[in-house]
Protein backbone atom coordinates (compact mmCIF):
# COMPACT_ATOMS: atom_id res chain seq x y z
CA MET A 1 4.45 7.48 -20.14
CA LYS A 2 1.25 9.47 -19.69
CA LYS A 3 1.28 12.28 -17.14
CA SER A 4 -1.08 11.75 -14.23
CA ASN A 5 -3.91 14.21 -13.67
CA LEU A 6 -3.90 13.70 -9.92
CA SER A 7 -3.94 16.79 -7.75
CA PHE A 8 -1.84 17.26 -4.64
CA LEU A 9 -4.82 16.42 -2.41
CA ASP A 10 -5.47 13.24 -4.38
CA LYS A 11 -1.84 12.20 -3.95
CA LYS A 12 -1.84 13.01 -0.23
CA CYS A 13 -5.07 11.06 0.28
CA ILE A 14 -3.71 8.08 -1.67
CA ILE A 15 -0.51 7.99 0.40
CA ILE A 16 -2.34 8.28 3.75
CA LYS A 17 -4.99 5.66 2.93
CA SER A 18 -2.45 3.28 1.40
CA PHE A 19 -0.24 3.67 4.47
CA LYS A 20 -3.16 2.83 6.78
CA THR A 21 -4.05 -0.18 4.63
CA SER A 22 -0.46 -1.42 4.66
CA LEU A 23 -0.27 -1.09 8.44
CA ILE A 24 -3.33 -3.27 8.92
CA VAL A 25 -2.63 -5.84 6.21
CA GLY A 26 1.13 -5.92 6.83
CA THR A 27 0.65 -6.49 10.53
CA ILE A 28 -1.78 -9.34 9.95
CA ILE A 29 0.52 -10.98 7.39
CA THR A 30 3.53 -10.54 9.68
CA LEU A 31 1.75 -12.07 12.65
CA ILE A 32 0.69 -15.03 10.54
CA ASN A 33 4.00 -15.64 8.74
CA GLN A 34 6.63 -14.55 11.29
CA ASN A 35 4.89 -15.39 14.56
CA GLU A 36 7.80 -17.52 15.80
CA CYS A 37 10.06 -14.45 15.68
CA PHE A 38 7.76 -12.55 18.01
CA PHE A 39 7.48 -15.39 20.50
CA LYS A 40 11.25 -15.94 20.63
CA PHE A 41 12.18 -12.24 20.24
CA ILE A 42 14.89 -13.26 17.79
CA PHE A 43 14.98 -11.44 14.46
CA THR A 44 17.53 -12.26 11.78
CA GLN A 45 18.26 -9.93 8.89
CA LYS A 46 16.27 -12.27 6.65
CA ASP A 47 13.24 -12.00 8.98
CA LEU A 48 13.43 -8.21 8.99
CA ILE A 49 13.51 -8.11 5.19
CA LYS A 50 10.46 -10.39 5.04
CA ILE A 51 8.64 -8.15 7.54
CA LEU A 52 9.54 -5.05 5.52
CA PHE A 53 8.09 -6.61 2.37
CA ASN A 54 4.94 -7.54 4.31
CA TYR A 55 4.31 -3.78 4.53
CA ILE A 56 5.71 -2.61 1.18
CA VAL A 57 3.61 -4.94 -0.97
CA PRO A 58 0.19 -3.98 0.47
CA PHE A 59 1.15 -0.28 0.28
CA THR A 60 2.11 -0.61 -3.37
CA VAL A 61 -0.99 -2.60 -4.33
CA SER A 62 -3.28 -0.22 -2.45
CA ALA A 63 -1.71 2.90 -3.95
CA TYR A 64 -1.78 1.48 -7.48
CA SER A 65 -5.44 0.45 -7.10
CA ARG A 66 -6.45 3.87 -5.80
CA ILE A 67 -4.59 5.71 -8.57
CA SER A 68 -6.16 3.47 -11.23
CA LEU A 69 -9.62 4.01 -9.79
CA LEU A 70 -9.22 7.80 -9.61
CA ASN A 71 -7.94 7.93 -13.18
CA GLU A 72 -10.91 5.87 -14.39
CA ILE A 73 -13.36 8.11 -12.52
CA LYS A 74 -11.77 11.26 -13.95
CA LYS A 75 -11.82 9.73 -17.44
CA GLU A 76 -15.55 9.05 -17.10
CA ILE A 77 -16.22 12.59 -15.82
CA TYR A 78 -14.30 14.21 -18.69
CA LYS A 79 -16.03 11.98 -21.22
CA TYR A 80 -19.35 13.71 -20.53
CA GLU A 81 -18.04 17.28 -20.54
């Protein structure tokens, strides 16, 4: 596997922005898909796992997309040096 050329600041920025994205997207998905849980205030273990994945998936997709984009940008910059 190729070593990433991302600096500490890049990684920190990716984590923070991906976390913010997952909070927004995960909350919207949760409200749409698990709205009955919130109205009844009854959460089963299965519901909690679904809610957890509603946040993990957007975080993972956002982080992967940002890393891919930064790597492509850096590749283009180094191509012209």
